[in-house]
Amino acid sequence: MATTSTASLTIAEMREFANFDAAEQRYIRRSLDIGLGRQDAFKLWARDAAENAAIRSQYVAYQELKTLRESIPTATGFDAIEGFIGKLTRVAAFDLAQERLGCFSSFRFLYERLLGADARPWLPSAFCAAAALPQIRPERRKMLLQSLSEAAATAPGWSDARPSFFPEFIEKEAA
């Protein structure tokens, strides 16, 4: 039964990823390579000097991820919220400012994998905080904030199931 449940979760995650547009999918795969240290993102993803610079900036922004993974606060305490949410908002703002993630769903999909299932309860607030920053263009800010559903914003509980699908780069010839 556990195998069936895991397979169902993986298929649901694959379907969700397939619903993102090509730019979101590419950015998520690239971000996972950088954030999880899976591949050399410069070799794999940089198509020109501008993308090379963006990847370099992303490596710098993602230096906080290890600290964030180790400092996810408990849902009941207020002690560690400031340090965690502040850092998470800064990293999230970097990603949203790249204008490759177009909605809360793609943001959540990425960050569940970068930080783990324990970060789920914190993702709506970090997304809202980052999307509302003046560094995000006003029309983009409106689109991002409207993408957060009431159900996601007011969820009474969060799944603790670990993500099982981690999309990767696939060579065109192999595809």
Protein backbone atom coordinates (compact mmCIF):
# COMPACT_ATOMS: atom_id res chain seq x y z
CA MET A 1 0.00 0.00 0.00
CA ALA A 2 2.87 2.41 0.78
CA THR A 3 4.30 1.86 -2.71
CA THR A 4 0.96 2.74 -4.30
CA SER A 5 0.70 5.89 -2.19
CA THR A 6 4.24 6.96 -3.10
CA ALA A 7 3.62 6.27 -6.79
CA SER A 8 0.39 8.29 -6.68
CA LEU A 9 2.19 11.21 -5.02
CA THR A 10 4.97 11.10 -7.60
CA ILE A 11 2.48 11.05 -10.48
CA ALA A 12 0.58 13.98 -8.97
CA GLU A 13 3.83 15.93 -8.62
CA MET A 14 4.77 15.13 -12.23
CA ARG A 15 1.37 16.34 -13.41
CA GLU A 16 1.71 19.54 -11.42
CA PHE A 17 5.16 20.17 -12.91
CA ALA A 18 3.81 19.48 -16.43
CA ASN A 19 1.22 22.24 -15.92
CA PHE A 20 3.93 24.89 -15.49
CA ASP A 21 5.01 26.71 -18.63
CA ALA A 22 8.37 25.91 -20.24
CA ALA A 23 10.15 28.89 -18.66
CA GLU A 24 8.95 27.91 -15.18
CA GLN A 25 9.99 24.29 -15.73
CA ARG A 26 13.43 25.36 -16.93
CA TYR A 27 13.90 27.74 -13.99
CA ILE A 28 12.79 25.11 -11.46
CA ARG A 29 15.20 22.51 -12.85
CA ARG A 30 18.05 25.03 -12.93
CA SER A 31 17.23 26.20 -9.40
CA LEU A 32 17.22 22.65 -8.08
CA ASP A 33 20.62 22.03 -9.69
CA ILE A 34 21.97 25.14 -7.95
CA GLY A 35 20.15 24.80 -4.63
CA LEU A 36 20.74 21.08 -4.18
CA GLY A 37 24.22 21.05 -5.70
CA ARG A 38 23.22 18.46 -8.31
CA GLN A 39 24.98 19.79 -11.41
CA ASP A 40 27.29 22.56 -12.60
CA ALA A 41 24.60 25.05 -13.56
CA PHE A 42 27.01 27.17 -15.61
CA LYS A 43 27.80 24.28 -17.97
CA LEU A 44 24.25 23.01 -18.13
CA TRP A 45 22.06 26.12 -18.18
CA ALA A 46 24.05 29.21 -19.29
CA ARG A 47 23.23 30.04 -22.90
CA ASP A 48 24.76 33.52 -22.91
CA ALA A 49 26.59 36.05 -20.72
CA ALA A 50 23.37 37.39 -19.17
CA GLU A 51 22.27 33.92 -18.10
CA ASN A 52 25.77 33.23 -16.79
CA ALA A 53 25.49 36.35 -14.60
CA ALA A 54 22.00 35.35 -13.42
CA ILE A 55 23.26 31.90 -12.42
CA ARG A 56 26.17 33.46 -10.52
CA SER A 57 23.71 35.70 -8.64
CA GLN A 58 21.50 32.71 -7.90
CA TYR A 59 24.43 30.78 -6.42
CA VAL A 60 25.05 33.75 -4.11
CA ALA A 61 21.37 34.10 -3.13
CA TYR A 62 21.06 30.35 -2.49
CA GLN A 63 23.92 30.32 0.02
CA GLU A 64 21.21 30.85 2.65
CA LEU A 65 19.45 27.57 1.84
CA LYS A 66 21.55 25.37 4.11
CA THR A 67 20.91 27.67 7.07
CA LEU A 68 17.21 27.83 6.22
CA ARG A 69 16.91 24.03 6.07
CA GLU A 70 18.45 23.78 9.52
CA SER A 71 16.37 26.55 11.10
CA ILE A 72 12.76 25.86 10.10
CA PRO A 73 10.77 26.96 13.16
CA THR A 74 8.10 24.88 14.80
CA ALA A 75 4.61 25.99 13.90
CA THR A 76 3.72 26.72 17.52
CA GLY A 77 6.62 28.92 18.63
CA PHE A 78 7.52 32.50 17.78
CA ASP A 79 11.18 32.32 18.79
CA ALA A 80 12.89 31.68 15.46
CA ILE A 81 10.39 33.28 13.07
CA GLU A 82 12.21 36.55 12.44
CA GLY A 83 15.50 35.03 11.33
CA PHE A 84 13.86 32.32 9.26
CA ILE A 85 11.18 34.37 7.50
CA GLY A 86 13.55 37.27 6.88
CA LYS A 87 16.11 35.05 5.15
CA LEU A 88 13.45 33.04 3.32
CA THR A 89 11.79 36.24 2.09
CA ARG A 90 15.12 37.54 0.78
CA VAL A 91 15.80 34.32 -1.19
CA ALA A 92 12.19 34.14 -2.40
CA ALA A 93 12.34 37.78 -3.53
CA PHE A 94 15.41 36.97 -5.59
CA ASP A 95 13.55 34.15 -7.34
CA LEU A 96 10.38 36.18 -7.91
CA ALA A 97 12.39 39.13 -9.25
CA GLN A 98 13.83 36.84 -11.95
CA GLU A 99 10.28 36.72 -13.37
CA ARG A 100 10.47 33.02 -14.20
CA LEU A 101 8.05 31.80 -11.51
CA GLY A 102 4.60 33.03 -12.44
CA CYS A 103 2.47 31.83 -9.56
CA PHE A 104 2.41 30.52 -6.02
CA SER A 105 2.14 26.91 -7.25
CA SER A 106 5.47 27.01 -9.08
CA PHE A 107 7.07 28.83 -6.13
CA ARG A 108 5.74 26.23 -3.68
CA PHE A 109 6.82 23.36 -5.93
CA LEU A 110 10.37 24.71 -6.05
CA TYR A 111 10.70 25.58 -2.36
CA GLU A 112 9.25 22.30 -1.11
CA ARG A 113 12.18 20.67 -2.88
CA LEU A 114 14.80 23.23 -1.88
CA LEU A 115 13.84 23.25 1.81
CA GLY A 116 11.81 20.10 2.43
CA ALA A 117 8.29 19.33 3.57
CA ASP A 118 8.75 21.02 6.96
CA ALA A 119 8.90 24.40 5.20
CA ARG A 120 5.39 24.09 3.71
CA PRO A 121 3.54 26.07 6.42
CA TRP A 122 5.92 28.99 5.92
CA LEU A 123 5.76 29.22 2.13
CA PRO A 124 2.53 31.28 1.75
CA SER A 125 3.77 34.00 4.10
CA ALA A 126 7.24 34.11 2.53
CA PHE A 127 5.66 34.25 -0.93
CA CYS A 128 3.33 37.10 0.05
CA ALA A 129 6.14 39.03 1.74
CA ALA A 130 8.49 38.63 -1.22
CA ALA A 131 5.82 39.32 -3.86
CA ALA A 132 4.74 42.51 -2.06
CA LEU A 133 8.23 44.03 -1.98
CA PRO A 134 8.84 47.17 -4.06
CA GLN A 135 11.62 45.34 -5.96
CA ILE A 136 8.85 43.43 -7.79
CA ARG A 137 7.21 45.42 -10.58
CA PRO A 138 3.65 46.53 -9.60
CA GLU A 139 1.82 44.60 -12.35
CA ARG A 140 3.89 41.50 -11.57
CA ARG A 141 3.25 41.99 -7.85
CA LYS A 142 -0.50 42.01 -8.47
CA MET A 143 -0.34 38.87 -10.64
CA LEU A 144 1.77 36.97 -8.08
CA LEU A 145 -0.37 37.91 -5.10
CA GLN A 146 -3.57 36.99 -6.93
CA SER A 147 -2.13 33.55 -7.69
CA LEU A 148 -2.21 32.58 -4.01
CA SER A 149 -5.53 30.87 -3.47
CA GLU A 150 -7.57 31.39 -0.33
CA ALA A 151 -7.24 27.66 0.38
CA ALA A 152 -3.42 27.84 0.30
CA ALA A 153 -3.34 31.02 2.36
CA THR A 154 -5.65 29.69 5.08
CA ALA A 155 -4.81 25.98 5.11
CA PRO A 156 -5.49 24.51 8.56
CA GLY A 157 -2.71 21.93 8.14
CA TRP A 158 0.08 20.84 5.87
CA SER A 159 1.20 17.49 4.58
CA ASP A 160 4.48 16.24 5.98
CA ALA A 161 5.04 13.96 2.96
CA ARG A 162 8.42 14.58 1.41
CA PRO A 163 8.44 15.58 -2.26
CA SER A 164 9.24 12.56 -4.39
CA PHE A 165 9.66 14.05 -7.87
CA PHE A 166 12.72 16.21 -8.49
CA PRO A 167 12.79 17.25 -12.16
CA GLU A 168 16.17 17.20 -13.87
CA PHE A 169 17.79 18.39 -17.09
CA ILE A 170 17.28 16.03 -20.02
CA GLU A 171 19.38 16.25 -23.18
CA LYS A 172 17.28 16.92 -26.28
CA GLU A 173 18.65 13.79 -27.93
CA ALA A 174 17.67 11.66 -24.92
CA ALA A 175 14.18 13.15 -24.80
